[in-house]
Amino acid sequence: MIVETLEVGPIGTNCYIVGDGSTGAATIIDPGGSASRVLSATARLGLRVEAVVATHAHFDHVGGVADLTRATGAPFMIGERELPVLEVTAESTMLYFGIHVDQPPKPDRLLEEGDSLAMGGRQFRVVHTPGHSPGHICLVGEGAAFVGDMVFMGSVGRADLPGGEFDTLIRSIATQLLVLPDDTILYPGHGPATTVGRERLSNPFLVGIGRG
């Protein structure tokens, strides 16, 4: 599995290129901007974009979706429960942050809990993880999980935006992510990658919760 990380958009969101070296297929996760950089990187890696997935609909995770899907024809996917957030992304971004963004396109596929996506030659399971955003999803596979803005190295996602709720966020992390093997790599929406074991032992928001 090829995993290339690009920091894109106005606040440096992690956009992931997840590629299969044997087939050349790539899935782009959370293209928050800079579609041209994403396309240049996939070309450099010898990959072609076959899917674009957003963990949630906040502007810094979907800002590049329109340009990327227009350039590649790849389908855009997002969690089914996140659709109401997606539909007002541009409006809410201006209201809360004073930043203009183009309204993202309608999704080609709404992802449901338990759906499976092939990425990087592996199968990833869609899990619903509300708390940061009501329809937030994570993509969980053997040895790796793409976790959006749920958990970061030493911290967790904010829960003060519309649809967020702190106790729900912690519950989602505990029941969907901390149950994974300790060596599972967590690829977050911001900052460096970490592991389940590291966050279980040292993240001040998570110590003492989840499996023992």
N, C-alpha and C. Protein backbone atom coordinates (compact mmCIF):
# COMPACT_ATOMS: atom_id res chain seq x y z
N MET A 1 0.84 -1.19 0.00
CA MET A 1 0.00 0.00 0.00
C MET A 1 0.87 1.24 0.00
N ILE A 2 0.60 2.14 -0.92
CA ILE A 2 1.29 3.43 -1.00
C ILE A 2 0.45 4.46 -0.26
N VAL A 3 1.06 5.17 0.69
CA VAL A 3 0.38 6.27 1.37
C VAL A 3 1.25 7.51 1.26
N GLU A 4 0.76 8.48 0.53
CA GLU A 4 1.46 9.76 0.37
C GLU A 4 0.62 10.83 1.05
N THR A 5 1.26 11.65 1.89
CA THR A 5 0.56 12.70 2.62
C THR A 5 0.93 14.06 2.06
N LEU A 6 -0.08 14.86 1.75
CA LEU A 6 0.12 16.24 1.31
C LEU A 6 -0.62 17.16 2.26
N GLU A 7 0.02 18.24 2.71
CA GLU A 7 -0.67 19.26 3.49
C GLU A 7 -1.27 20.27 2.51
N VAL A 8 -2.59 20.40 2.54
CA VAL A 8 -3.27 21.22 1.54
C VAL A 8 -4.24 22.18 2.22
N GLY A 9 -4.66 23.18 1.45
CA GLY A 9 -5.68 24.10 1.93
C GLY A 9 -5.17 25.13 2.90
N PRO A 10 -6.05 26.03 3.36
CA PRO A 10 -5.64 27.18 4.15
C PRO A 10 -5.14 26.85 5.55
N ILE A 11 -5.48 25.67 6.10
CA ILE A 11 -5.00 25.35 7.45
C ILE A 11 -4.21 24.04 7.49
N GLY A 12 -3.65 23.67 6.37
CA GLY A 12 -2.73 22.53 6.33
C GLY A 12 -3.36 21.20 6.68
N THR A 13 -4.42 20.85 5.97
CA THR A 13 -5.09 19.57 6.19
C THR A 13 -4.32 18.44 5.50
N ASN A 14 -4.25 17.31 6.16
CA ASN A 14 -3.62 16.14 5.55
C ASN A 14 -4.54 15.55 4.49
N CYS A 15 -4.09 15.57 3.26
CA CYS A 15 -4.76 14.88 2.16
C CYS A 15 -3.94 13.63 1.86
N TYR A 16 -4.60 12.48 1.82
CA TYR A 16 -3.90 11.22 1.62
C TYR A 16 -4.15 10.65 0.24
N ILE A 17 -3.06 10.28 -0.42
CA ILE A 17 -3.13 9.51 -1.65
C ILE A 17 -2.84 8.07 -1.26
N VAL A 18 -3.83 7.21 -1.41
CA VAL A 18 -3.68 5.80 -1.04
C VAL A 18 -3.68 4.99 -2.33
N GLY A 19 -2.51 4.44 -2.66
CA GLY A 19 -2.35 3.81 -3.95
C GLY A 19 -2.02 2.33 -3.88
N ASP A 20 -2.37 1.65 -4.94
CA ASP A 20 -2.05 0.24 -5.12
C ASP A 20 -0.98 0.14 -6.19
N GLY A 21 0.23 -0.22 -5.76
CA GLY A 21 1.34 -0.26 -6.70
C GLY A 21 1.18 -1.29 -7.79
N SER A 22 0.38 -2.32 -7.57
CA SER A 22 0.23 -3.37 -8.57
C SER A 22 -0.78 -3.00 -9.65
N THR A 23 -1.79 -2.21 -9.31
CA THR A 23 -2.82 -1.84 -10.28
C THR A 23 -2.74 -0.38 -10.73
N GLY A 24 -2.07 0.46 -9.93
CA GLY A 24 -1.99 1.89 -10.25
C GLY A 24 -3.20 2.69 -9.81
N ALA A 25 -4.15 2.04 -9.13
CA ALA A 25 -5.36 2.74 -8.68
C ALA A 25 -5.07 3.52 -7.41
N ALA A 26 -5.66 4.72 -7.32
CA ALA A 26 -5.47 5.56 -6.14
C ALA A 26 -6.80 6.11 -5.65
N THR A 27 -6.94 6.17 -4.33
CA THR A 27 -8.06 6.85 -3.69
C THR A 27 -7.51 8.07 -2.99
N ILE A 28 -8.18 9.20 -3.15
CA ILE A 28 -7.77 10.44 -2.50
C ILE A 28 -8.69 10.67 -1.31
N ILE A 29 -8.12 10.83 -0.13
CA ILE A 29 -8.89 11.05 1.08
C ILE A 29 -8.69 12.48 1.56
N ASP A 30 -9.79 13.19 1.74
CA ASP A 30 -9.81 14.55 2.30
C ASP A 30 -8.99 15.57 1.51
N PRO A 31 -9.33 15.79 0.24
CA PRO A 31 -8.65 16.82 -0.53
C PRO A 31 -9.19 18.21 -0.16
N GLY A 32 -8.57 18.83 0.82
CA GLY A 32 -9.05 20.12 1.30
C GLY A 32 -8.69 21.30 0.45
N GLY A 33 -7.95 21.08 -0.63
CA GLY A 33 -7.54 22.14 -1.54
C GLY A 33 -6.41 21.65 -2.41
N SER A 34 -5.87 22.57 -3.21
CA SER A 34 -4.67 22.28 -4.01
C SER A 34 -4.81 21.03 -4.87
N ALA A 35 -5.89 20.97 -5.63
CA ALA A 35 -6.12 19.81 -6.48
C ALA A 35 -4.97 19.59 -7.46
N SER A 36 -4.36 20.68 -7.93
CA SER A 36 -3.26 20.54 -8.88
C SER A 36 -2.07 19.83 -8.25
N ARG A 37 -1.81 20.09 -6.96
CA ARG A 37 -0.72 19.39 -6.26
C ARG A 37 -1.04 17.92 -6.10
N VAL A 38 -2.28 17.62 -5.82
CA VAL A 38 -2.70 16.21 -5.68
C VAL A 38 -2.50 15.48 -7.00
N LEU A 39 -2.90 16.11 -8.09
CA LEU A 39 -2.76 15.48 -9.40
C LEU A 39 -1.30 15.31 -9.78
N SER A 40 -0.47 16.30 -9.46
CA SER A 40 0.96 16.18 -9.75
C SER A 40 1.58 15.04 -8.97
N ALA A 41 1.17 14.90 -7.71
CA ALA A 41 1.73 13.83 -6.87
C ALA A 41 1.29 12.46 -7.36
N THR A 42 0.03 12.32 -7.76
CA THR A 42 -0.41 11.02 -8.26
C THR A 42 0.31 10.66 -9.55
N ALA A 43 0.55 11.66 -10.40
CA ALA A 43 1.29 11.40 -11.64
C ALA A 43 2.72 10.96 -11.33
N ARG A 44 3.35 11.64 -10.37
CA ARG A 44 4.72 11.29 -9.98
C ARG A 44 4.79 9.86 -9.46
N LEU A 45 3.75 9.44 -8.76
CA LEU A 45 3.72 8.10 -8.20
C LEU A 45 3.26 7.04 -9.20
N GLY A 46 2.88 7.48 -10.40
CA GLY A 46 2.41 6.55 -11.41
C GLY A 46 1.04 5.99 -11.11
N LEU A 47 0.19 6.81 -10.48
CA LEU A 47 -1.13 6.36 -10.08
C LEU A 47 -2.21 7.13 -10.82
N ARG A 48 -3.40 6.56 -10.87
CA ARG A 48 -4.56 7.24 -11.44
C ARG A 48 -5.65 7.32 -10.38
N VAL A 49 -6.32 8.44 -10.31
CA VAL A 49 -7.34 8.66 -9.29
C VAL A 49 -8.63 7.95 -9.68
N GLU A 50 -9.07 7.03 -8.84
CA GLU A 50 -10.29 6.28 -9.12
C GLU A 50 -11.40 6.55 -8.12
N ALA A 51 -11.10 7.26 -7.03
CA ALA A 51 -12.13 7.61 -6.05
C ALA A 51 -11.64 8.76 -5.19
N VAL A 52 -12.59 9.58 -4.76
CA VAL A 52 -12.31 10.69 -3.85
C VAL A 52 -13.25 10.53 -2.66
N VAL A 53 -12.68 10.46 -1.45
CA VAL A 53 -13.47 10.21 -0.25
C VAL A 53 -13.20 11.30 0.77
N ALA A 54 -14.25 11.80 1.40
CA ALA A 54 -14.11 12.76 2.50
C ALA A 54 -14.58 12.13 3.79
N THR A 55 -13.78 12.28 4.84
CA THR A 55 -14.20 11.76 6.14
C THR A 55 -15.36 12.58 6.71
N HIS A 56 -15.42 13.85 6.34
CA HIS A 56 -16.53 14.71 6.74
C HIS A 56 -16.52 15.94 5.85
N ALA A 57 -17.52 16.82 6.01
CA ALA A 57 -17.76 17.88 5.02
C ALA A 57 -17.27 19.25 5.43
N HIS A 58 -16.42 19.37 6.46
CA HIS A 58 -15.87 20.68 6.79
C HIS A 58 -14.98 21.16 5.64
N PHE A 59 -14.94 22.49 5.47
CA PHE A 59 -14.33 23.07 4.27
C PHE A 59 -12.90 22.62 4.06
N ASP A 60 -12.15 22.41 5.15
CA ASP A 60 -10.74 22.06 5.01
C ASP A 60 -10.52 20.62 4.60
N HIS A 61 -11.60 19.87 4.45
CA HIS A 61 -11.50 18.48 3.99
C HIS A 61 -12.15 18.25 2.63
N VAL A 62 -12.91 19.23 2.15
CA VAL A 62 -13.60 19.06 0.86
C VAL A 62 -13.33 20.19 -0.12
N GLY A 63 -12.45 21.13 0.24
CA GLY A 63 -12.24 22.31 -0.60
C GLY A 63 -11.71 22.02 -1.98
N GLY A 64 -11.04 20.88 -2.16
CA GLY A 64 -10.50 20.54 -3.47
C GLY A 64 -11.29 19.49 -4.23
N VAL A 65 -12.41 19.07 -3.66
CA VAL A 65 -13.17 17.97 -4.27
C VAL A 65 -13.67 18.33 -5.66
N ALA A 66 -14.24 19.53 -5.81
CA ALA A 66 -14.83 19.91 -7.10
C ALA A 66 -13.79 19.88 -8.21
N ASP A 67 -12.65 20.52 -7.98
CA ASP A 67 -11.60 20.57 -9.01
C ASP A 67 -11.05 19.17 -9.29
N LEU A 68 -10.89 18.37 -8.25
CA LEU A 68 -10.29 17.04 -8.42
C LEU A 68 -11.22 16.11 -9.18
N THR A 69 -12.49 16.12 -8.84
CA THR A 69 -13.43 15.22 -9.54
C THR A 69 -13.67 15.69 -10.97
N ARG A 70 -13.65 17.00 -11.17
CA ARG A 70 -13.82 17.53 -12.52
C ARG A 70 -12.64 17.12 -13.41
N ALA A 71 -11.44 17.12 -12.85
CA ALA A 71 -10.25 16.79 -13.64
C ALA A 71 -10.11 15.30 -13.91
N THR A 72 -10.62 14.47 -13.01
CA THR A 72 -10.38 13.03 -13.12
C THR A 72 -11.62 12.21 -13.48
N GLY A 73 -12.80 12.76 -13.23
CA GLY A 73 -14.02 11.99 -13.42
C GLY A 73 -14.26 10.95 -12.34
N ALA A 74 -13.43 10.98 -11.29
CA ALA A 74 -13.57 10.00 -10.21
C ALA A 74 -14.80 10.29 -9.37
N PRO A 75 -15.47 9.27 -8.87
CA PRO A 75 -16.65 9.48 -8.02
C PRO A 75 -16.26 10.05 -6.66
N PHE A 76 -17.14 10.89 -6.12
CA PHE A 76 -16.96 11.49 -4.81
C PHE A 76 -17.86 10.77 -3.82
N MET A 77 -17.28 10.40 -2.67
CA MET A 77 -17.99 9.63 -1.65
C MET A 77 -17.87 10.30 -0.29
N ILE A 78 -18.94 10.21 0.49
CA ILE A 78 -18.95 10.76 1.85
C ILE A 78 -19.99 9.98 2.64
N GLY A 79 -19.89 10.04 3.96
CA GLY A 79 -20.84 9.32 4.81
C GLY A 79 -22.27 9.80 4.60
N GLU A 80 -23.21 8.87 4.62
CA GLU A 80 -24.61 9.21 4.34
C GLU A 80 -25.16 10.23 5.34
N ARG A 81 -24.74 10.16 6.59
CA ARG A 81 -25.27 11.06 7.61
C ARG A 81 -24.61 12.44 7.57
N GLU A 82 -23.61 12.59 6.72
CA GLU A 82 -22.93 13.88 6.59
C GLU A 82 -23.52 14.73 5.47
N LEU A 83 -24.46 14.18 4.72
CA LEU A 83 -25.01 14.91 3.58
C LEU A 83 -25.60 16.27 3.98
N PRO A 84 -26.36 16.40 5.08
CA PRO A 84 -26.87 17.73 5.44
C PRO A 84 -25.78 18.75 5.71
N VAL A 85 -24.65 18.30 6.24
CA VAL A 85 -23.52 19.21 6.48
C VAL A 85 -22.90 19.61 5.14
N LEU A 86 -22.73 18.65 4.25
CA LEU A 86 -22.15 18.93 2.94
C LEU A 86 -22.96 19.95 2.17
N GLU A 87 -24.28 19.85 2.25
CA GLU A 87 -25.15 20.71 1.46
C GLU A 87 -25.05 22.19 1.84
N VAL A 88 -24.52 22.48 3.03
CA VAL A 88 -24.39 23.88 3.46
C VAL A 88 -22.94 24.24 3.77
N THR A 89 -22.00 23.48 3.20
CA THR A 89 -20.59 23.71 3.52
C THR A 89 -20.16 25.13 3.23
N ALA A 90 -20.43 25.64 2.05
CA ALA A 90 -19.99 26.99 1.68
C ALA A 90 -20.62 28.03 2.60
N GLU A 91 -21.92 27.91 2.85
CA GLU A 91 -22.64 28.87 3.69
C GLU A 91 -22.12 28.86 5.13
N SER A 92 -21.96 27.68 5.70
CA SER A 92 -21.51 27.60 7.09
C SER A 92 -20.05 28.01 7.24
N THR A 93 -19.24 27.77 6.23
CA THR A 93 -17.84 28.18 6.29
C THR A 93 -17.73 29.70 6.35
N MET A 94 -18.50 30.39 5.55
CA MET A 94 -18.49 31.85 5.58
C MET A 94 -19.02 32.36 6.92
N LEU A 95 -20.06 31.72 7.44
CA LEU A 95 -20.68 32.15 8.69
C LEU A 95 -19.73 32.00 9.87
N TYR A 96 -19.05 30.86 9.98
CA TYR A 96 -18.25 30.58 11.17
C TYR A 96 -16.79 30.98 11.04
N PHE A 97 -16.27 31.03 9.80
CA PHE A 97 -14.85 31.29 9.62
C PHE A 97 -14.56 32.53 8.77
N GLY A 98 -15.57 33.05 8.10
CA GLY A 98 -15.36 34.21 7.24
C GLY A 98 -14.53 33.90 6.02
N ILE A 99 -14.54 32.65 5.58
CA ILE A 99 -13.75 32.20 4.44
C ILE A 99 -14.69 31.77 3.32
N HIS A 100 -14.43 32.25 2.11
CA HIS A 100 -15.23 31.80 0.97
C HIS A 100 -14.66 30.52 0.39
N VAL A 101 -15.51 29.53 0.21
CA VAL A 101 -15.14 28.30 -0.50
C VAL A 101 -16.25 27.98 -1.49
N ASP A 102 -15.88 27.37 -2.59
CA ASP A 102 -16.89 26.90 -3.54
C ASP A 102 -17.67 25.74 -2.92
N GLN A 103 -18.96 25.71 -3.15
CA GLN A 103 -19.77 24.61 -2.64
C GLN A 103 -19.33 23.30 -3.30
N PRO A 104 -19.01 22.28 -2.50
CA PRO A 104 -18.60 20.99 -3.07
C PRO A 104 -19.73 20.38 -3.89
N PRO A 105 -19.40 19.49 -4.80
CA PRO A 105 -20.43 18.83 -5.61
C PRO A 105 -21.23 17.83 -4.81
N LYS A 106 -22.36 17.43 -5.36
CA LYS A 106 -23.14 16.36 -4.74
C LYS A 106 -22.34 15.06 -4.82
N PRO A 107 -22.42 14.24 -3.79
CA PRO A 107 -21.68 12.97 -3.83
C PRO A 107 -22.26 11.98 -4.83
N ASP A 108 -21.40 11.18 -5.39
CA ASP A 108 -21.82 10.11 -6.28
C ASP A 108 -22.24 8.86 -5.49
N ARG A 109 -21.71 8.75 -4.28
CA ARG A 109 -22.05 7.60 -3.44
C ARG A 109 -22.06 8.03 -1.99
N LEU A 110 -23.09 7.63 -1.26
CA LEU A 110 -23.16 7.86 0.18
C LEU A 110 -22.75 6.58 0.88
N LEU A 111 -21.74 6.69 1.74
CA LEU A 111 -21.17 5.53 2.40
C LEU A 111 -21.92 5.24 3.70
N GLU A 112 -22.23 3.98 3.90
CA GLU A 112 -22.95 3.55 5.08
C GLU A 112 -22.04 2.74 6.00
N GLU A 113 -22.40 2.71 7.27
CA GLU A 113 -21.68 1.90 8.25
C GLU A 113 -21.55 0.46 7.73
N GLY A 114 -20.30 -0.04 7.74
CA GLY A 114 -20.06 -1.41 7.32
C GLY A 114 -19.72 -1.57 5.85
N ASP A 115 -19.87 -0.51 5.05
CA ASP A 115 -19.46 -0.60 3.65
C ASP A 115 -17.96 -0.89 3.56
N SER A 116 -17.56 -1.47 2.46
CA SER A 116 -16.17 -1.81 2.24
C SER A 116 -15.63 -1.05 1.03
N LEU A 117 -14.43 -0.51 1.17
CA LEU A 117 -13.76 0.18 0.07
C LEU A 117 -12.40 -0.46 -0.15
N ALA A 118 -12.07 -0.73 -1.41
CA ALA A 118 -10.74 -1.24 -1.76
C ALA A 118 -9.80 -0.05 -1.96
N MET A 119 -8.74 -0.01 -1.16
CA MET A 119 -7.76 1.06 -1.28
C MET A 119 -6.37 0.48 -1.05
N GLY A 120 -5.45 0.82 -1.92
CA GLY A 120 -4.07 0.39 -1.74
C GLY A 120 -3.90 -1.12 -1.69
N GLY A 121 -4.77 -1.85 -2.37
CA GLY A 121 -4.68 -3.30 -2.36
C GLY A 121 -5.22 -3.94 -1.10
N ARG A 122 -5.87 -3.15 -0.23
CA ARG A 122 -6.48 -3.66 0.99
C ARG A 122 -7.96 -3.29 1.02
N GLN A 123 -8.68 -3.94 1.90
CA GLN A 123 -10.08 -3.61 2.12
C GLN A 123 -10.20 -2.76 3.38
N PHE A 124 -10.93 -1.66 3.27
CA PHE A 124 -11.17 -0.78 4.40
C PHE A 124 -12.67 -0.73 4.69
N ARG A 125 -12.99 -0.77 5.97
CA ARG A 125 -14.38 -0.76 6.42
C ARG A 125 -14.78 0.65 6.83
N VAL A 126 -15.97 1.06 6.41
CA VAL A 126 -16.50 2.37 6.79
C VAL A 126 -17.13 2.25 8.18
N VAL A 127 -16.69 3.11 9.10
CA VAL A 127 -17.30 3.14 10.43
C VAL A 127 -17.79 4.56 10.70
N HIS A 128 -18.99 4.66 11.26
CA HIS A 128 -19.60 5.95 11.59
C HIS A 128 -19.04 6.41 12.93
N THR A 129 -18.44 7.61 12.93
CA THR A 129 -17.79 8.13 14.14
C THR A 129 -18.22 9.58 14.39
N PRO A 130 -19.44 9.78 14.86
CA PRO A 130 -19.90 11.14 15.13
C PRO A 130 -19.18 11.75 16.33
N GLY A 131 -19.34 13.05 16.48
CA GLY A 131 -18.76 13.76 17.61
C GLY A 131 -18.09 15.04 17.17
N HIS A 132 -17.27 14.96 16.13
CA HIS A 132 -16.69 16.16 15.52
C HIS A 132 -17.67 16.75 14.53
N SER A 133 -18.30 15.87 13.79
CA SER A 133 -19.35 16.21 12.84
C SER A 133 -20.33 15.04 12.86
N PRO A 134 -21.61 15.30 12.65
CA PRO A 134 -22.59 14.23 12.88
C PRO A 134 -22.46 13.02 11.97
N GLY A 135 -21.95 13.21 10.76
CA GLY A 135 -21.81 12.09 9.84
C GLY A 135 -20.38 11.70 9.55
N HIS A 136 -19.47 12.08 10.43
CA HIS A 136 -18.05 11.77 10.26
C HIS A 136 -17.87 10.26 10.13
N ILE A 137 -16.99 9.85 9.22
CA ILE A 137 -16.63 8.44 9.09
C ILE A 137 -15.13 8.27 9.20
N CYS A 138 -14.71 7.08 9.60
CA CYS A 138 -13.32 6.66 9.52
C CYS A 138 -13.25 5.43 8.62
N LEU A 139 -12.11 5.23 8.02
CA LEU A 139 -11.87 4.10 7.14
C LEU A 139 -10.85 3.19 7.81
N VAL A 140 -11.29 2.01 8.20
CA VAL A 140 -10.50 1.12 9.04
C VAL A 140 -10.13 -0.14 8.26
N GLY A 141 -8.83 -0.40 8.18
CA GLY A 141 -8.34 -1.59 7.51
C GLY A 141 -7.32 -2.30 8.36
N GLU A 142 -6.80 -3.39 7.85
CA GLU A 142 -5.79 -4.15 8.59
C GLU A 142 -4.51 -3.32 8.73
N GLY A 143 -4.19 -2.93 9.95
CA GLY A 143 -2.95 -2.22 10.22
C GLY A 143 -3.00 -0.73 10.04
N ALA A 144 -4.12 -0.18 9.58
CA ALA A 144 -4.18 1.26 9.33
C ALA A 144 -5.61 1.75 9.39
N ALA A 145 -5.77 3.01 9.77
CA ALA A 145 -7.09 3.64 9.77
C ALA A 145 -6.92 5.11 9.43
N PHE A 146 -7.77 5.62 8.57
CA PHE A 146 -7.80 7.04 8.22
C PHE A 146 -8.93 7.66 9.03
N VAL A 147 -8.55 8.56 9.97
CA VAL A 147 -9.46 8.93 11.04
C VAL A 147 -9.92 10.38 11.00
N GLY A 148 -9.61 11.11 9.93
CA GLY A 148 -10.11 12.47 9.82
C GLY A 148 -9.78 13.31 11.03
N ASP A 149 -10.79 13.98 11.58
CA ASP A 149 -10.57 14.88 12.72
C ASP A 149 -11.08 14.29 14.03
N MET A 150 -11.04 12.97 14.16
CA MET A 150 -11.46 12.35 15.41
C MET A 150 -10.36 12.40 16.46
N VAL A 151 -9.18 11.94 16.09
CA VAL A 151 -8.09 11.85 17.05
C VAL A 151 -6.80 12.25 16.36
N PHE A 152 -5.95 12.96 17.11
CA PHE A 152 -4.64 13.38 16.63
C PHE A 152 -3.58 12.87 17.61
N MET A 153 -2.32 13.02 17.25
CA MET A 153 -1.27 12.67 18.18
C MET A 153 -1.37 13.58 19.40
N GLY A 154 -1.76 13.00 20.52
CA GLY A 154 -1.84 13.75 21.77
C GLY A 154 -3.08 14.59 21.95
N SER A 155 -4.04 14.48 21.07
CA SER A 155 -5.23 15.31 21.20
C SER A 155 -6.41 14.63 20.50
N VAL A 156 -7.55 15.33 20.51
CA VAL A 156 -8.73 14.84 19.80
C VAL A 156 -9.35 16.01 19.05
N GLY A 157 -10.30 15.71 18.18
CA GLY A 157 -10.94 16.74 17.38
C GLY A 157 -11.81 17.68 18.21
N ARG A 158 -12.04 18.86 17.68
CA ARG A 158 -12.90 19.81 18.37
C ARG A 158 -14.35 19.37 18.25
N ALA A 159 -15.13 19.77 19.24
CA ALA A 159 -16.53 19.37 19.27
C ALA A 159 -17.45 20.57 19.43
N ASP A 160 -16.94 21.76 19.11
CA ASP A 160 -17.72 22.98 19.34
C ASP A 160 -18.33 23.55 18.07
N LEU A 161 -18.23 22.84 16.96
CA LEU A 161 -18.87 23.27 15.73
C LEU A 161 -20.27 22.65 15.65
N PRO A 162 -21.15 23.18 14.80
CA PRO A 162 -22.51 22.64 14.72
C PRO A 162 -22.51 21.13 14.47
N GLY A 163 -23.28 20.43 15.28
CA GLY A 163 -23.35 18.98 15.16
C GLY A 163 -22.31 18.23 15.95
N GLY A 164 -21.38 18.97 16.57
CA GLY A 164 -20.36 18.33 17.39
C GLY A 164 -20.82 18.14 18.83
N GLU A 165 -20.24 17.14 19.49
CA GLU A 165 -20.59 16.89 20.88
C GLU A 165 -19.46 16.07 21.50
N PHE A 166 -18.86 16.59 22.57
CA PHE A 166 -17.62 16.02 23.09
C PHE A 166 -17.80 14.59 23.58
N ASP A 167 -18.81 14.34 24.38
CA ASP A 167 -18.99 12.98 24.91
C ASP A 167 -19.19 11.98 23.77
N THR A 168 -19.91 12.40 22.72
CA THR A 168 -20.10 11.53 21.56
C THR A 168 -18.79 11.28 20.85
N LEU A 169 -17.96 12.30 20.73
CA LEU A 169 -16.63 12.16 20.12
C LEU A 169 -15.81 11.12 20.85
N ILE A 170 -15.73 11.24 22.17
CA ILE A 170 -14.92 10.30 22.96
C ILE A 170 -15.49 8.90 22.86
N ARG A 171 -16.81 8.78 22.88
CA ARG A 171 -17.43 7.46 22.76
C ARG A 171 -17.10 6.83 21.41
N SER A 172 -17.12 7.62 20.35
CA SER A 172 -16.79 7.08 19.02
C SER A 172 -15.35 6.59 18.97
N ILE A 173 -14.45 7.37 19.55
CA ILE A 173 -13.04 6.96 19.56
C ILE A 173 -12.87 5.67 20.35
N ALA A 174 -13.53 5.61 21.51
CA ALA A 174 -13.38 4.45 22.38
C ALA A 174 -13.93 3.19 21.74
N THR A 175 -15.08 3.28 21.08
CA THR A 175 -15.76 2.08 20.58
C THR A 175 -15.34 1.68 19.17
N GLN A 176 -14.80 2.62 18.41
CA GLN A 176 -14.46 2.32 17.01
C GLN A 176 -12.96 2.29 16.73
N LEU A 177 -12.18 3.03 17.52
CA LEU A 177 -10.75 3.14 17.22
C LEU A 177 -9.86 2.50 18.28
N LEU A 178 -10.15 2.73 19.55
CA LEU A 178 -9.30 2.16 20.59
C LEU A 178 -9.47 0.65 20.72
N VAL A 179 -10.45 0.08 20.04
CA VAL A 179 -10.61 -1.38 20.03
C VAL A 179 -9.69 -2.05 19.01
N LEU A 180 -9.02 -1.24 18.19
CA LEU A 180 -8.12 -1.78 17.18
C LEU A 180 -6.79 -2.19 17.81
N PRO A 181 -6.02 -3.06 17.17
CA PRO A 181 -4.71 -3.45 17.72
C PRO A 181 -3.82 -2.24 17.95
N ASP A 182 -2.99 -2.33 18.98
CA ASP A 182 -2.16 -1.19 19.37
C ASP A 182 -1.23 -0.71 18.27
N ASP A 183 -0.82 -1.60 17.37
CA ASP A 183 0.12 -1.19 16.33
C ASP A 183 -0.58 -0.62 15.09
N THR A 184 -1.90 -0.48 15.15
CA THR A 184 -2.62 0.12 14.03
C THR A 184 -2.21 1.57 13.84
N ILE A 185 -1.80 1.92 12.63
CA ILE A 185 -1.40 3.30 12.33
C ILE A 185 -2.65 4.14 12.12
N LEU A 186 -2.70 5.28 12.81
CA LEU A 186 -3.80 6.23 12.65
C LEU A 186 -3.31 7.40 11.80
N TYR A 187 -3.98 7.61 10.68
CA TYR A 187 -3.65 8.72 9.79
C TYR A 187 -4.69 9.82 10.02
N PRO A 188 -4.31 10.89 10.73
CA PRO A 188 -5.29 11.92 11.09
C PRO A 188 -5.40 13.03 10.05
N GLY A 189 -6.40 13.87 10.24
CA GLY A 189 -6.62 14.98 9.32
C GLY A 189 -5.63 16.10 9.47
N HIS A 190 -4.92 16.16 10.58
CA HIS A 190 -3.92 17.19 10.82
C HIS A 190 -2.80 16.60 11.66
N GLY A 191 -1.57 17.00 11.38
CA GLY A 191 -0.44 16.55 12.18
C GLY A 191 0.07 15.18 11.78
N PRO A 192 1.05 14.67 12.54
CA PRO A 192 1.70 13.41 12.16
C PRO A 192 0.85 12.19 12.45
N ALA A 193 1.16 11.11 11.77
CA ALA A 193 0.51 9.83 12.04
C ALA A 193 0.92 9.35 13.43
N THR A 194 0.09 8.50 14.00
CA THR A 194 0.35 7.95 15.32
C THR A 194 -0.15 6.52 15.34
N THR A 195 -0.24 5.91 16.51
CA THR A 195 -0.76 4.56 16.62
C THR A 195 -1.81 4.49 17.72
N VAL A 196 -2.63 3.47 17.64
CA VAL A 196 -3.64 3.27 18.68
C VAL A 196 -2.98 3.13 20.05
N GLY A 197 -1.90 2.33 20.13
CA GLY A 197 -1.24 2.12 21.41
C GLY A 197 -0.68 3.38 22.00
N ARG A 198 -0.07 4.20 21.18
CA ARG A 198 0.49 5.48 21.67
C ARG A 198 -0.61 6.35 22.25
N GLU A 199 -1.70 6.47 21.53
CA GLU A 199 -2.78 7.35 22.01
C GLU A 199 -3.47 6.77 23.24
N ARG A 200 -3.59 5.46 23.32
CA ARG A 200 -4.19 4.85 24.49
C ARG A 200 -3.38 5.15 25.76
N LEU A 201 -2.05 5.15 25.60
CA LEU A 201 -1.17 5.30 26.76
C LEU A 201 -0.85 6.74 27.11
N SER A 202 -0.87 7.65 26.12
CA SER A 202 -0.33 8.98 26.39
C SER A 202 -1.26 10.14 26.05
N ASN A 203 -2.33 9.90 25.31
CA ASN A 203 -3.22 10.99 24.95
C ASN A 203 -4.05 11.36 26.19
N PRO A 204 -3.93 12.61 26.67
CA PRO A 204 -4.62 12.97 27.92
C PRO A 204 -6.13 12.86 27.87
N PHE A 205 -6.70 12.89 26.67
CA PHE A 205 -8.15 12.76 26.52
C PHE A 205 -8.62 11.30 26.52
N LEU A 206 -7.66 10.37 26.34
CA LEU A 206 -8.05 8.98 26.11
C LEU A 206 -7.49 8.00 27.13
N VAL A 207 -6.55 8.42 27.96
CA VAL A 207 -5.97 7.51 28.94
C VAL A 207 -7.08 6.98 29.87
N GLY A 208 -7.11 5.66 30.01
CA GLY A 208 -8.06 5.04 30.92
C GLY A 208 -9.38 4.65 30.30
N ILE A 209 -9.55 4.91 28.98
CA ILE A 209 -10.77 4.47 28.34
C ILE A 209 -10.45 3.44 27.26
N GLY A 210 -11.44 2.77 26.77
CA GLY A 210 -11.22 1.75 25.76
C GLY A 210 -10.76 0.44 26.40
N ARG A 211 -10.35 -0.50 25.58
CA ARG A 211 -9.99 -1.81 26.09
C ARG A 211 -8.69 -1.74 26.88
N GLY A 212 -8.51 -2.65 27.80
CA GLY A 212 -7.32 -2.68 28.61
C GLY A 212 -6.16 -3.37 27.94
